[in-house]
PDB file of N, CA and C in Angstrom:
ATOM      1  N   MET A   1      85.591  -3.898  15.004  1.00  0.00           N
ATOM      2  CA  MET A   1      84.683  -4.708  15.638  1.00  0.00           C
ATOM      3  C   MET A   1      85.015  -5.188  17.084  1.00  0.00           C
ATOM      4  N   SER A   2      84.485  -5.006  18.051  1.00  0.00           N
ATOM      5  CA  SER A   2      84.835  -5.527  19.341  1.00  0.00           C
ATOM      6  C   SER A   2      85.148  -7.011  19.452  1.00  0.00           C
ATOM      7  N   LYS A   3      86.334  -7.174  20.286  1.00  0.00           N
ATOM      8  CA  LYS A   3      86.883  -8.593  20.600  1.00  0.00           C
ATOM      9  C   LYS A   3      86.441  -9.025  21.831  1.00  0.00           C
ATOM     10  N   VAL A   4      85.839  -7.971  22.655  1.00  0.00           N
ATOM     11  CA  VAL A   4      85.543  -8.352  24.069  1.00  0.00           C
ATOM     12  C   VAL A   4      83.981  -7.789  24.246  1.00  0.00           C
ATOM     13  N   ARG A   5      83.382  -8.589  25.497  1.00  0.00           N
ATOM     14  CA  ARG A   5      82.190  -7.942  25.882  1.00  0.00           C
ATOM     15  C   ARG A   5      82.356  -7.648  27.470  1.00  0.00           C
ATOM     16  N   ILE A   6      81.475  -6.852  27.730  1.00  0.00           N
ATOM     17  CA  ILE A   6      81.492  -6.483  29.200  1.00  0.00           C
ATOM     18  C   ILE A   6      80.310  -6.995  30.041  1.00  0.00           C
ATOM     19  N   ALA A   7      80.490  -7.844  30.819  1.00  0.00           N
ATOM     20  CA  ALA A   7      79.348  -8.600  31.332  1.00  0.00           C
ATOM     21  C   ALA A   7      78.794  -7.516  32.451  1.00  0.00           C
ATOM     22  N   GLU A   8      77.361  -7.842  32.832  1.00  0.00           N
ATOM     23  CA  GLU A   8      76.857  -6.984  33.789  1.00  0.00           C
ATOM     24  C   GLU A   8      77.637  -7.094  35.124  1.00  0.00           C
ATOM     25  N   SER A   9      78.389  -8.043  35.390  1.00  0.00           N
ATOM     26  CA  SER A   9      79.192  -8.152  36.590  1.00  0.00           C
ATOM     27  C   SER A   9      80.368  -7.337  36.558  1.00  0.00           C
ATOM     28  N   GLY A  10      80.614  -6.646  35.384  1.00  0.00           N
ATOM     29  CA  GLY A  10      81.749  -5.866  35.200  1.00  0.00           C
ATOM     30  C   GLY A  10      83.027  -6.804  34.522  1.00  0.00           C
ATOM     31  N   MET A  11      82.931  -8.237  34.479  1.00  0.00           N
ATOM     32  CA  MET A  11      83.943  -9.018  33.848  1.00  0.00           C
ATOM     33  C   MET A  11      84.105  -8.657  32.413  1.00  0.00           C
ATOM     34  N   VAL A  12      85.378  -8.647  31.952  1.00  0.00           N
ATOM     35  CA  VAL A  12      85.712  -8.553  30.617  1.00  0.00           C
ATOM     36  C   VAL A  12      85.788  -9.992  29.972  1.00  0.00           C
ATOM     37  N   MET A  13      84.805 -10.091  29.021  1.00  0.00           N
ATOM     38  CA  MET A  13      84.781 -11.569  28.538  1.00  0.00           C
ATOM     39  C   MET A  13      85.222 -11.622  27.182  1.00  0.00           C
ATOM     40  N   PHE A  14      85.946 -12.733  26.635  1.00  0.00           N
ATOM     41  CA  PHE A  14      86.251 -12.924  25.231  1.00  0.00           C
ATOM     42  C   PHE A  14      86.182 -14.531  24.961  1.00  0.00           C
ATOM     43  N   TYR A  15      85.846 -14.733  23.809  1.00  0.00           N
ATOM     44  CA  TYR A  15      85.643 -15.919  23.130  1.00  0.00           C
ATOM     45  C   TYR A  15      86.946 -16.867  23.044  1.00  0.00           C
ATOM     46  N   CYS A  16      86.909 -17.891  23.451  1.00  0.00           N
ATOM     47  CA  CYS A  16      88.174 -18.895  23.354  1.00  0.00           C
ATOM     48  C   CYS A  16      87.788 -20.172  22.398  1.00  0.00           C
ATOM     49  N   PRO A  17      88.434 -19.853  21.358  1.00  0.00           N
ATOM     50  CA  PRO A  17      87.977 -21.072  20.496  1.00  0.00           C
ATOM     51  C   PRO A  17      88.538 -22.469  20.829  1.00  0.00           C
ATOM     52  N   GLY A  18      89.715 -22.331  21.592  1.00  0.00           N
ATOM     53  CA  GLY A  18      90.151 -23.698  22.189  1.00  0.00           C
ATOM     54  C   GLY A  18      89.037 -24.460  23.023  1.00  0.00           C
ATOM     55  N   CYS A  19      88.567 -23.657  23.881  1.00  0.00           N
ATOM     56  CA  CYS A  19      87.506 -24.435  24.789  1.00  0.00           C
ATOM     57  C   CYS A  19      86.189 -24.149  24.237  1.00  0.00           C
ATOM     58  N   LYS A  20      86.018 -23.373  23.189  1.00  0.00           N
ATOM     59  CA  LYS A  20      84.577 -23.190  22.609  1.00  0.00           C
ATOM     60  C   LYS A  20      83.584 -22.573  23.583  1.00  0.00           C
ATOM     61  N   CYS A  21      84.089 -21.587  24.420  1.00  0.00           N
ATOM     62  CA  CYS A  21      83.262 -20.921  25.217  1.00  0.00           C
ATOM     63  C   CYS A  21      84.040 -19.460  25.577  1.00  0.00           C
ATOM     64  N   HIS A  22      83.413 -18.785  26.419  1.00  0.00           N
ATOM     65  CA  HIS A  22      84.041 -17.423  26.860  1.00  0.00           C
ATOM     66  C   HIS A  22      84.621 -17.527  28.061  1.00  0.00           C
ATOM     67  N   HIS A  23      85.666 -17.078  28.130  1.00  0.00           N
ATOM     68  CA  HIS A  23      86.368 -16.766  29.440  1.00  0.00           C
ATOM     69  C   HIS A  23      86.485 -15.406  29.680  1.00  0.00           C
ATOM     70  N   GLY A  24      86.295 -15.138  31.235  1.00  0.00           N
ATOM     71  CA  GLY A  24      86.317 -13.717  31.659  1.00  0.00           C
ATOM     72  C   GLY A  24      87.138 -13.493  32.685  1.00  0.00           C
ATOM     73  N   VAL A  25      87.737 -12.212  32.738  1.00  0.00           N
ATOM     74  CA  VAL A  25      88.509 -11.686  33.714  1.00  0.00           C
ATOM     75  C   VAL A  25      87.978 -10.395  34.555  1.00  0.00           C
ATOM     76  N   HIS A  26      88.235 -10.196  35.755  1.00  0.00           N
ATOM     77  CA  HIS A  26      88.078  -9.059  36.501  1.00  0.00           C
ATOM     78  C   HIS A  26      88.927  -8.147  36.333  1.00  0.00           C
ATOM     79  N   ALA A  27      88.919  -7.254  35.482  1.00  0.00           N
ATOM     80  CA  ALA A  27      90.109  -6.294  35.034  1.00  0.00           C
ATOM     81  C   ALA A  27      89.797  -4.784  35.208  1.00  0.00           C
ATOM     82  N   ASP A  28      90.976  -4.158  35.480  1.00  0.00           N
ATOM     83  CA  ASP A  28      90.978  -2.671  35.575  1.00  0.00           C
ATOM     84  C   ASP A  28      91.609  -1.988  34.381  1.00  0.00           C
ATOM     85  N   LYS A  29      91.455  -1.126  33.941  1.00  0.00           N
ATOM     86  CA  LYS A  29      92.303  -0.577  32.927  1.00  0.00           C
ATOM     87  C   LYS A  29      93.741  -0.107  33.589  1.00  0.00           C
ATOM     88  N   SER A  30      94.642  -0.428  32.962  1.00  0.00           N
ATOM     89  CA  SER A  30      96.051  -0.250  33.319  1.00  0.00           C
ATOM     90  C   SER A  30      96.644  -1.362  34.096  1.00  0.00           C
ATOM     91  N   THR A  31      96.373  -1.588  35.493  1.00  0.00           N
ATOM     92  CA  THR A  31      97.159  -2.535  36.500  1.00  0.00           C
ATOM     93  C   THR A  31      95.981  -3.160  37.267  1.00  0.00           C
ATOM     94  N   PRO A  32      96.237  -4.576  37.686  1.00  0.00           N
ATOM     95  CA  PRO A  32      95.417  -4.909  38.709  1.00  0.00           C
ATOM     96  C   PRO A  32      95.152  -3.994  39.871  1.00  0.00           C
ATOM     97  N   ASN A  33      94.036  -4.082  40.503  1.00  0.00           N
ATOM     98  CA  ASN A  33      93.608  -3.301  41.743  1.00  0.00           C
ATOM     99  C   ASN A  33      93.009  -4.042  42.736  1.00  0.00           C
ATOM    100  N   PRO A  34      93.660  -4.394  43.673  1.00  0.00           N
ATOM    101  CA  PRO A  34      92.892  -5.061  44.785  1.00  0.00           C
ATOM    102  C   PRO A  34      91.861  -4.199  45.450  1.00  0.00           C
ATOM    103  N   LEU A  35      91.902  -2.994  45.294  1.00  0.00           N
ATOM    104  CA  LEU A  35      90.680  -2.199  45.828  1.00  0.00           C
ATOM    105  C   LEU A  35      89.409  -2.510  45.122  1.00  0.00           C
ATOM    106  N   THR A  36      89.429  -2.697  43.959  1.00  0.00           N
ATOM    107  CA  THR A  36      88.337  -2.911  43.200  1.00  0.00           C
ATOM    108  C   THR A  36      87.890  -4.381  43.019  1.00  0.00           C
ATOM    109  N   GLY A  37      88.900  -5.272  43.389  1.00  0.00           N
ATOM    110  CA  GLY A  37      88.765  -6.745  43.121  1.00  0.00           C
ATOM    111  C   GLY A  37      89.314  -7.216  41.786  1.00  0.00           C
ATOM    112  N   ALA A  38      89.841  -6.107  40.945  1.00  0.00           N
ATOM    113  CA  ALA A  38      90.287  -6.664  39.663  1.00  0.00           C
ATOM    114  C   ALA A  38      91.768  -7.173  40.169  1.00  0.00           C
ATOM    115  N   ARG A  39      92.002  -8.241  39.202  1.00  0.00           N
ATOM    116  CA  ARG A  39      93.070  -9.100  39.361  1.00  0.00           C
ATOM    117  C   ARG A  39      93.934  -9.198  38.034  1.00  0.00           C
ATOM    118  N   TRP A  40      93.401  -8.573  37.025  1.00  0.00           N
ATOM    119  CA  TRP A  40      94.227  -8.413  35.687  1.00  0.00           C
ATOM    120  C   TRP A  40      94.026  -6.949  35.277  1.00  0.00           C
ATOM    121  N   GLY A  41      95.254  -6.599  34.670  1.00  0.00           N
ATOM    122  CA  GLY A  41      95.289  -5.289  34.167  1.00  0.00           C
ATOM    123  C   GLY A  41      94.847  -5.503  32.580  1.00  0.00           C
ATOM    124  N   TRP A  42      94.213  -4.508  32.326  1.00  0.00           N
ATOM    125  CA  TRP A  42      93.746  -4.314  30.830  1.00  0.00           C
ATOM    126  C   TRP A  42      94.132  -2.850  30.171  1.00  0.00           C
ATOM    127  N   ASN A  43      94.281  -3.069  29.065  1.00  0.00           N
ATOM    128  CA  ASN A  43      94.775  -1.842  28.248  1.00  0.00           C
ATOM    129  C   ASN A  43      93.643  -0.981  27.741  1.00  0.00           C
ATOM    130  N   GLY A  44      92.201  -1.278  28.276  1.00  0.00           N
ATOM    131  CA  GLY A  44      91.039  -0.622  27.928  1.00  0.00           C
ATOM    132  C   GLY A  44      90.496  -0.827  26.513  1.00  0.00           C
ATOM    133  N   SER A  45      91.306  -1.527  25.677  1.00  0.00           N
ATOM    134  CA  SER A  45      90.895  -1.622  24.260  1.00  0.00           C
ATOM    135  C   SER A  45      89.803  -2.567  24.086  1.00  0.00           C
ATOM    136  N   VAL A  46      88.761  -2.437  23.288  1.00  0.00           N
ATOM    137  CA  VAL A  46      87.828  -3.593  23.276  1.00  0.00           C
ATOM    138  C   VAL A  46      88.244  -4.074  21.733  1.00  0.00           C
ATOM    139  N   ASP A  47      88.917  -3.447  20.772  1.00  0.00           N
ATOM    140  CA  ASP A  47      89.243  -3.798  19.653  1.00  0.00           C
ATOM    141  C   ASP A  47      90.654  -4.684  19.599  1.00  0.00           C
ATOM    142  N   SER A  48      91.618  -4.343  20.468  1.00  0.00           N
ATOM    143  CA  SER A  48      92.992  -4.921  20.353  1.00  0.00           C
ATOM    144  C   SER A  48      93.303  -5.092  21.865  1.00  0.00           C
ATOM    145  N   PRO A  49      92.569  -5.867  22.776  1.00  0.00           N
ATOM    146  CA  PRO A  49      92.765  -5.954  23.955  1.00  0.00           C
ATOM    147  C   PRO A  49      94.041  -6.626  24.548  1.00  0.00           C
ATOM    148  N   THR A  50      94.604  -6.335  25.657  1.00  0.00           N
ATOM    149  CA  THR A  50      95.602  -6.877  26.347  1.00  0.00           C
ATOM    150  C   THR A  50      95.313  -7.109  27.695  1.00  0.00           C
ATOM    151  N   PHE A  51      95.506  -8.138  28.197  1.00  0.00           N
ATOM    152  CA  PHE A  51      95.352  -8.561  29.660  1.00  0.00           C
ATOM    153  C   PHE A  51      96.726  -9.012  30.469  1.00  0.00           C
ATOM    154  N   THR A  52      96.930  -8.590  31.619  1.00  0.00           N
ATOM    155  CA  THR A  52      98.038  -8.822  32.050  1.00  0.00           C
ATOM    156  C   THR A  52      97.725  -9.444  33.640  1.00  0.00           C
ATOM    157  N   PRO A  53      98.234 -10.368  34.375  1.00  0.00           N
ATOM    158  CA  PRO A  53      99.181 -11.382  33.795  1.00  0.00           C
ATOM    159  C   PRO A  53      98.319 -12.247  32.875  1.00  0.00           C
ATOM    160  N   SER A  54      98.955 -13.639  32.661  1.00  0.00           N
ATOM    161  CA  SER A  54      98.178 -14.708  31.978  1.00  0.00           C
ATOM    162  C   SER A  54      97.036 -15.034  32.570  1.00  0.00           C
ATOM    163  N   ILE A  55      96.236 -15.750  31.676  1.00  0.00           N
ATOM    164  CA  ILE A  55      94.915 -16.330  32.112  1.00  0.00           C
ATOM    165  C   ILE A  55      95.081 -17.802  32.042  1.00  0.00           C
ATOM    166  N   LEU A  56      94.763 -18.204  33.210  1.00  0.00           N
ATOM    167  CA  LEU A  56      94.920 -19.838  33.442  1.00  0.00           C
ATOM    168  C   LEU A  56      93.452 -20.278  33.940  1.00  0.00           C
ATOM    169  N   VAL A  57      92.790 -21.132  32.955  1.00  0.00           N
ATOM    170  CA  VAL A  57      91.497 -21.833  33.308  1.00  0.00           C
ATOM    171  C   VAL A  57      91.661 -23.085  33.410  1.00  0.00           C
ATOM    172  N   ARG A  58      91.203 -23.999  34.501  1.00  0.00           N
ATOM    173  CA  ARG A  58      91.299 -25.425  34.654  1.00  0.00           C
ATOM    174  C   ARG A  58      89.783 -25.733  34.879  1.00  0.00           C
ATOM    175  N   GLY A  59      89.578 -27.087  34.695  1.00  0.00           N
ATOM    176  CA  GLY A  59      88.347 -27.563  34.844  1.00  0.00           C
ATOM    177  C   GLY A  59      88.313 -29.128  34.475  1.00  0.00           C
ATOM    178  N   THR A  60      86.904 -29.642  34.290  1.00  0.00           N
ATOM    179  CA  THR A  60      86.831 -30.831  33.565  1.00  0.00           C
ATOM    180  C   THR A  60      85.791 -30.538  32.563  1.00  0.00           C
ATOM    181  N   ILE A  61      86.076 -31.485  31.408  1.00  0.00           N
ATOM    182  CA  ILE A  61      85.271 -31.578  30.094  1.00  0.00           C
ATOM    183  C   ILE A  61      83.936 -31.942  30.525  1.00  0.00           C
ATOM    184  N   PRO A  62      82.911 -31.058  29.987  1.00  0.00           N
ATOM    185  CA  PRO A  62      81.366 -31.487  30.427  1.00  0.00           C
ATOM    186  C   PRO A  62      81.097 -32.927  29.962  1.00  0.00           C
ATOM    187  N   ILE A  63      80.387 -33.562  30.790  1.00  0.00           N
ATOM    188  CA  ILE A  63      80.088 -34.866  30.359  1.00  0.00           C
ATOM    189  C   ILE A  63      78.984 -35.132  29.283  1.00  0.00           C
ATOM    190  N   THR A  64      79.028 -36.061  28.569  1.00  0.00           N
ATOM    191  CA  THR A  64      78.029 -36.238  27.463  1.00  0.00           C
ATOM    192  C   THR A  64      76.593 -37.089  27.974  1.00  0.00           C
ATOM    193  N   ASP A  65      75.819 -37.108  27.266  1.00  0.00           N
ATOM    194  CA  ASP A  65      74.492 -37.880  27.613  1.00  0.00           C
ATOM    195  C   ASP A  65      75.050 -39.371  27.841  1.00  0.00           C
ATOM    196  N   GLU A  66      75.761 -39.877  26.978  1.00  0.00           N
ATOM    197  CA  GLU A  66      76.247 -41.251  27.013  1.00  0.00           C
ATOM    198  C   GLU A  66      76.833 -41.463  28.488  1.00  0.00           C
ATOM    199  N   GLU A  67      77.630 -40.680  28.745  1.00  0.00           N
ATOM    200  CA  GLU A  67      78.377 -40.722  30.074  1.00  0.00           C
ATOM    201  C   GLU A  67      77.526 -40.600  31.145  1.00  0.00           C
ATOM    202  N   ILE A  68      76.514 -39.670  30.998  1.00  0.00           N
ATOM    203  CA  ILE A  68      75.475 -39.685  32.106  1.00  0.00           C
ATOM    204  C   ILE A  68      74.739 -41.122  32.396  1.00  0.00           C
ATOM    205  N   GLU A  69      74.290 -41.699  31.169  1.00  0.00           N
ATOM    206  CA  GLU A  69      73.767 -43.085  31.376  1.00  0.00           C
ATOM    207  C   GLU A  69      74.822 -43.992  31.996  1.00  0.00           C
ATOM    208  N   LEU A  70      76.012 -44.016  31.716  1.00  0.00           N
ATOM    209  CA  LEU A  70      76.985 -44.880  32.400  1.00  0.00           C
ATOM    210  C   LEU A  70      77.030 -44.637  33.957  1.00  0.00           C
ATOM    211  N   ILE A  71      77.063 -43.323  34.417  1.00  0.00           N
ATOM    212  CA  ILE A  71      77.148 -43.002  35.740  1.00  0.00           C
ATOM    213  C   ILE A  71      75.850 -43.478  36.412  1.00  0.00           C
ATOM    214  N   SER A  72      74.730 -43.110  35.545  1.00  0.00           N
ATOM    215  CA  SER A  72      73.388 -43.694  36.430  1.00  0.00           C
ATOM    216  C   SER A  72      73.356 -45.227  36.279  1.00  0.00           C
ATOM    217  N   ALA A  73      73.998 -45.990  35.544  1.00  0.00           N
ATOM    218  CA  ALA A  73      74.057 -47.429  35.683  1.00  0.00           C
ATOM    219  C   ALA A  73      75.203 -47.845  36.742  1.00  0.00           C
ATOM    220  N   GLY A  74      75.749 -47.099  37.280  1.00  0.00           N
ATOM    221  CA  GLY A  74      76.606 -47.400  38.387  1.00  0.00           C
ATOM    222  C   GLY A  74      78.015 -47.718  37.798  1.00  0.00           C
ATOM    223  N   LYS A  75      78.259 -47.481  36.501  1.00  0.00           N
ATOM    224  CA  LYS A  75      79.591 -47.969  35.841  1.00  0.00           C
ATOM    225  C   LYS A  75      80.697 -46.844  36.343  1.00  0.00           C
ATOM    226  N   PRO A  76      81.848 -47.338  36.214  1.00  0.00           N
ATOM    227  CA  PRO A  76      82.966 -46.304  36.688  1.00  0.00           C
ATOM    228  C   PRO A  76      83.070 -45.247  35.373  1.00  0.00           C
ATOM    229  N   PHE A  77      83.510 -44.145  36.085  1.00  0.00           N
ATOM    230  CA  PHE A  77      83.606 -43.034  35.085  1.00  0.00           C
ATOM    231  C   PHE A  77      84.660 -42.083  35.738  1.00  0.00           C
ATOM    232  N   THR A  78      85.469 -41.680  34.983  1.00  0.00           N
ATOM    233  CA  THR A  78      86.630 -40.808  35.414  1.00  0.00           C
ATOM    234  C   THR A  78      86.560 -39.254  34.500  1.00  0.00           C
ATOM    235  N   PRO A  79      86.251 -38.508  35.035  1.00  0.00           N
ATOM    236  CA  PRO A  79      86.072 -37.046  34.545  1.00  0.00           C
ATOM    237  C   PRO A  79      87.550 -36.717  33.814  1.00  0.00           C
ATOM    238  N   VAL A  80      87.286 -36.017  32.722  1.00  0.00           N
ATOM    239  CA  VAL A  80      88.722 -35.628  31.957  1.00  0.00           C
ATOM    240  C   VAL A  80      89.139 -34.050  32.319  1.00  0.00           C
ATOM    241  N   ASP A  81      90.063 -33.955  32.814  1.00  0.00           N
ATOM    242  CA  ASP A  81      90.522 -32.658  33.116  1.00  0.00           C
ATOM    243  C   ASP A  81      91.115 -31.817  31.887  1.00  0.00           C
ATOM    244  N   PHE A  82      90.839 -30.720  32.041  1.00  0.00           N
ATOM    245  CA  PHE A  82      91.343 -29.554  30.913  1.00  0.00           C
ATOM    246  C   PHE A  82      92.151 -28.477  31.495  1.00  0.00           C
ATOM    247  N   VAL A  83      93.083 -27.915  30.779  1.00  0.00           N
ATOM    248  CA  VAL A  83      93.723 -26.680  31.136  1.00  0.00           C
ATOM    249  C   VAL A  83      93.616 -25.733  29.852  1.00  0.00           C
ATOM    250  N   CYS A  84      93.522 -24.446  30.037  1.00  0.00           N
ATOM    251  CA  CYS A  84      93.520 -23.598  29.020  1.00  0.00           C
ATOM    252  C   CYS A  84      94.429 -22.245  29.554  1.00  0.00           C
ATOM    253  N   HIS A  85      95.779 -22.044  29.115  1.00  0.00           N
ATOM    254  CA  HIS A  85      96.482 -21.078  29.625  1.00  0.00           C
ATOM    255  C   HIS A  85      97.136 -20.132  28.796  1.00  0.00           C
ATOM    256  N   SER A  86      96.800 -18.883  28.690  1.00  0.00           N
ATOM    257  CA  SER A  86      97.195 -17.991  27.540  1.00  0.00           C
ATOM    258  C   SER A  86      97.420 -16.733  28.019  1.00  0.00           C
ATOM    259  N   PHE A  87      98.131 -15.712  27.129  1.00  0.00           N
ATOM    260  CA  PHE A  87      98.210 -14.534  27.241  1.00  0.00           C
ATOM    261  C   PHE A  87      97.472 -13.875  26.071  1.00  0.00           C
ATOM    262  N   VAL A  88      96.725 -12.868  26.532  1.00  0.00           N
ATOM    263  CA  VAL A  88      96.014 -12.001  25.688  1.00  0.00           C
ATOM    264  C   VAL A  88      96.510 -10.668  25.363  1.00  0.00           C
ATOM    265  N   ARG A  89      97.172 -10.679  24.194  1.00  0.00           N
ATOM    266  CA  ARG A  89      98.049  -9.569  23.844  1.00  0.00           C
ATOM    267  C   ARG A  89      97.599  -8.844  22.399  1.00  0.00           C
ATOM    268  N   ASP A  90      97.460  -7.517  22.309  1.00  0.00           N
ATOM    269  CA  ASP A  90      97.184  -6.719  21.178  1.00  0.00           C
ATOM    270  C   ASP A  90      96.045  -7.701  20.354  1.00  0.00           C
ATOM    271  N   GLY A  91      95.021  -8.164  21.038  1.00  0.00           N
ATOM    272  CA  GLY A  91      93.789  -8.788  20.308  1.00  0.00           C
ATOM    273  C   GLY A  91      94.229 -10.214  19.756  1.00  0.00           C
ATOM    274  N   ARG A  92      95.226 -10.786  20.141  1.00  0.00           N
ATOM    275  CA  ARG A  92      95.528 -12.233  19.985  1.00  0.00           C
ATOM    276  C   ARG A  92      95.738 -13.011  21.000  1.00  0.00           C
ATOM    277  N   ILE A  93      95.416 -14.159  21.022  1.00  0.00           N
ATOM    278  CA  ILE A  93      95.453 -15.273  22.132  1.00  0.00           C
ATOM    279  C   ILE A  93      96.743 -15.869  21.894  1.00  0.00           C
ATOM    280  N   GLN A  94      97.821 -16.058  22.778  1.00  0.00           N
ATOM    281  CA  GLN A  94      98.999 -16.794  22.726  1.00  0.00           C
ATOM    282  C   GLN A  94      98.730 -17.936  23.648  1.00  0.00           C
ATOM    283  N   TYR A  95      98.350 -19.186  22.924  1.00  0.00           N
ATOM    284  CA  TYR A  95      98.165 -20.315  24.133  1.00  0.00           C
ATOM    285  C   TYR A  95      99.364 -21.031  24.319  1.00  0.00           C
ATOM    286  N   LEU A  96      99.607 -21.068  25.551  1.00  0.00           N
ATOM    287  CA  LEU A  96     100.892 -21.722  25.971  1.00  0.00           C
ATOM    288  C   LEU A  96     100.990 -23.315  26.034  1.00  0.00           C
ATOM    289  N   SER A  97     101.822 -23.911  26.028  1.00  0.00           N
ATOM    290  CA  SER A  97     102.285 -25.304  25.625  1.00  0.00           C
ATOM    291  C   SER A  97     101.461 -26.297  26.855  1.00  0.00           C
ATOM    292  N   ASP A  98     100.952 -25.616  28.048  1.00  0.00           N
ATOM    293  CA  ASP A  98     100.440 -26.473  28.981  1.00  0.00           C
ATOM    294  C   ASP A  98      98.864 -26.781  28.627  1.00  0.00           C
ATOM    295  N   CYS A  99      98.374 -26.087  27.497  1.00  0.00           N
ATOM    296  CA  CYS A  99      96.762 -26.116  27.151  1.00  0.00           C
ATOM    297  C   CYS A  99      96.623 -27.783  26.692  1.00  0.00           C
ATOM    298  N   THR A 100      95.460 -28.153  26.906  1.00  0.00           N
ATOM    299  CA  THR A 100      95.243 -29.618  26.667  1.00  0.00           C
ATOM    300  C   THR A 100      94.341 -29.540  25.388  1.00  0.00           C
ATOM    301  N   HIS A 101      94.022 -28.356  24.666  1.00  0.00           N
ATOM    302  CA  HIS A 101      93.222 -28.349  23.501  1.00  0.00           C
ATOM    303  C   HIS A 101      94.201 -28.160  22.176  1.00  0.00           C
ATOM    304  N   GLU A 102      93.617 -28.292  20.907  1.00  0.00           N
ATOM    305  CA  GLU A 102      94.328 -28.248  19.889  1.00  0.00           C
ATOM    306  C   GLU A 102      95.290 -27.009  19.611  1.00  0.00           C
ATOM    307  N   PHE A 103      95.004 -25.917  20.386  1.00  0.00           N
ATOM    308  CA  PHE A 103      95.596 -24.688  20.069  1.00  0.00           C
ATOM    309  C   PHE A 103      96.963 -24.407  20.792  1.00  0.00           C
ATOM    310  N   ALA A 104      97.106 -25.418  21.675  1.00  0.00           N
ATOM    311  CA  ALA A 104      98.360 -25.385  22.387  1.00  0.00           C
ATOM    312  C   ALA A 104      99.606 -25.045  21.742  1.00  0.00           C
ATOM    313  N   GLY A 105     100.403 -23.913  22.099  1.00  0.00           N
ATOM    314  CA  GLY A 105     101.577 -23.444  21.386  1.00  0.00           C
ATOM    315  C   GLY A 105     101.330 -22.581  20.160  1.00  0.00           C
ATOM    316  N   GLN A 106     100.126 -22.301  20.076  1.00  0.00           N
ATOM    317  CA  GLN A 106      99.783 -21.394  18.851  1.00  0.00           C
ATOM    318  C   GLN A 106      99.316 -19.966  19.180  1.00  0.00           C
ATOM    319  N   THR A 107      99.400 -19.169  18.372  1.00  0.00           N
ATOM    320  CA  THR A 107      98.660 -17.803  18.716  1.00  0.00           C
ATOM    321  C   THR A 107      97.882 -17.392  17.551  1.00  0.00           C
ATOM    322  N   ILE A 108      96.551 -17.173  17.890  1.00  0.00           N
ATOM    323  CA  ILE A 108      95.740 -16.783  16.977  1.00  0.00           C
ATOM    324  C   ILE A 108      94.872 -15.454  17.405  1.00  0.00           C
ATOM    325  N   ASP A 109      94.227 -14.925  16.348  1.00  0.00           N
ATOM    326  CA  ASP A 109      93.303 -13.599  16.454  1.00  0.00           C
ATOM    327  C   ASP A 109      92.070 -13.840  17.485  1.00  0.00           C
ATOM    328  N   LEU A 110      91.850 -13.035  18.175  1.00  0.00           N
ATOM    329  CA  LEU A 110      90.424 -13.012  18.886  1.00  0.00           C
ATOM    330  C   LEU A 110      89.542 -12.826  17.920  1.00  0.00           C
ATOM    331  N   GLN A 111      88.289 -13.526  18.259  1.00  0.00           N
ATOM    332  CA  GLN A 111      87.151 -13.624  17.220  1.00  0.00           C
ATOM    333  C   GLN A 111      86.327 -12.246  17.606  1.00  0.00           C
ATOM    334  N   ASP A 112      85.902 -11.778  16.683  1.00  0.00           N
ATOM    335  CA  ASP A 112      84.850 -10.519  16.761  1.00  0.00           C
ATOM    336  C   ASP A 112      83.570 -11.056  17.770  1.00  0.00           C
ATOM    337  N   GLU A 113      83.253 -10.185  18.523  1.00  0.00           N
ATOM    338  CA  GLU A 113      82.027 -10.439  19.302  1.00  0.00           C
ATOM    339  C   GLU A 113      80.681 -10.051  18.439  1.00  0.00           C
ATOM    340  N   ASP A 114      79.530 -10.679  18.581  1.00  0.00           N
ATOM    341  CA  ASP A 114      78.367 -10.333  18.024  1.00  0.00           C
ATOM    342  C   ASP A 114      77.826  -9.052  18.445  1.00  0.00           C
TER     343      ASP A 114
END
């Protein structure tokens, strides 16, 4: 079963259980290629993908309805930053220790795409 999906934009997407959403990379088979805009190399496998180099995603955790109410009421609110840093190798995600979710420091199998 396929572990990745190819978006219309050409990005190669995989589901990240730590962030509970998909991450995507602009990848070319074999090595990064600045001529095509690819920043990651990809072994071309959809069943056991490997991307190089590591994938670093940073952002803020989406706010809840309750937090929207606080903001609307003019109360102070501080967004919560997150980091997801991983290597995807041979169909497995190796989460690095700087991840802010529960899978930091663990290696797990990529989930099958529907």
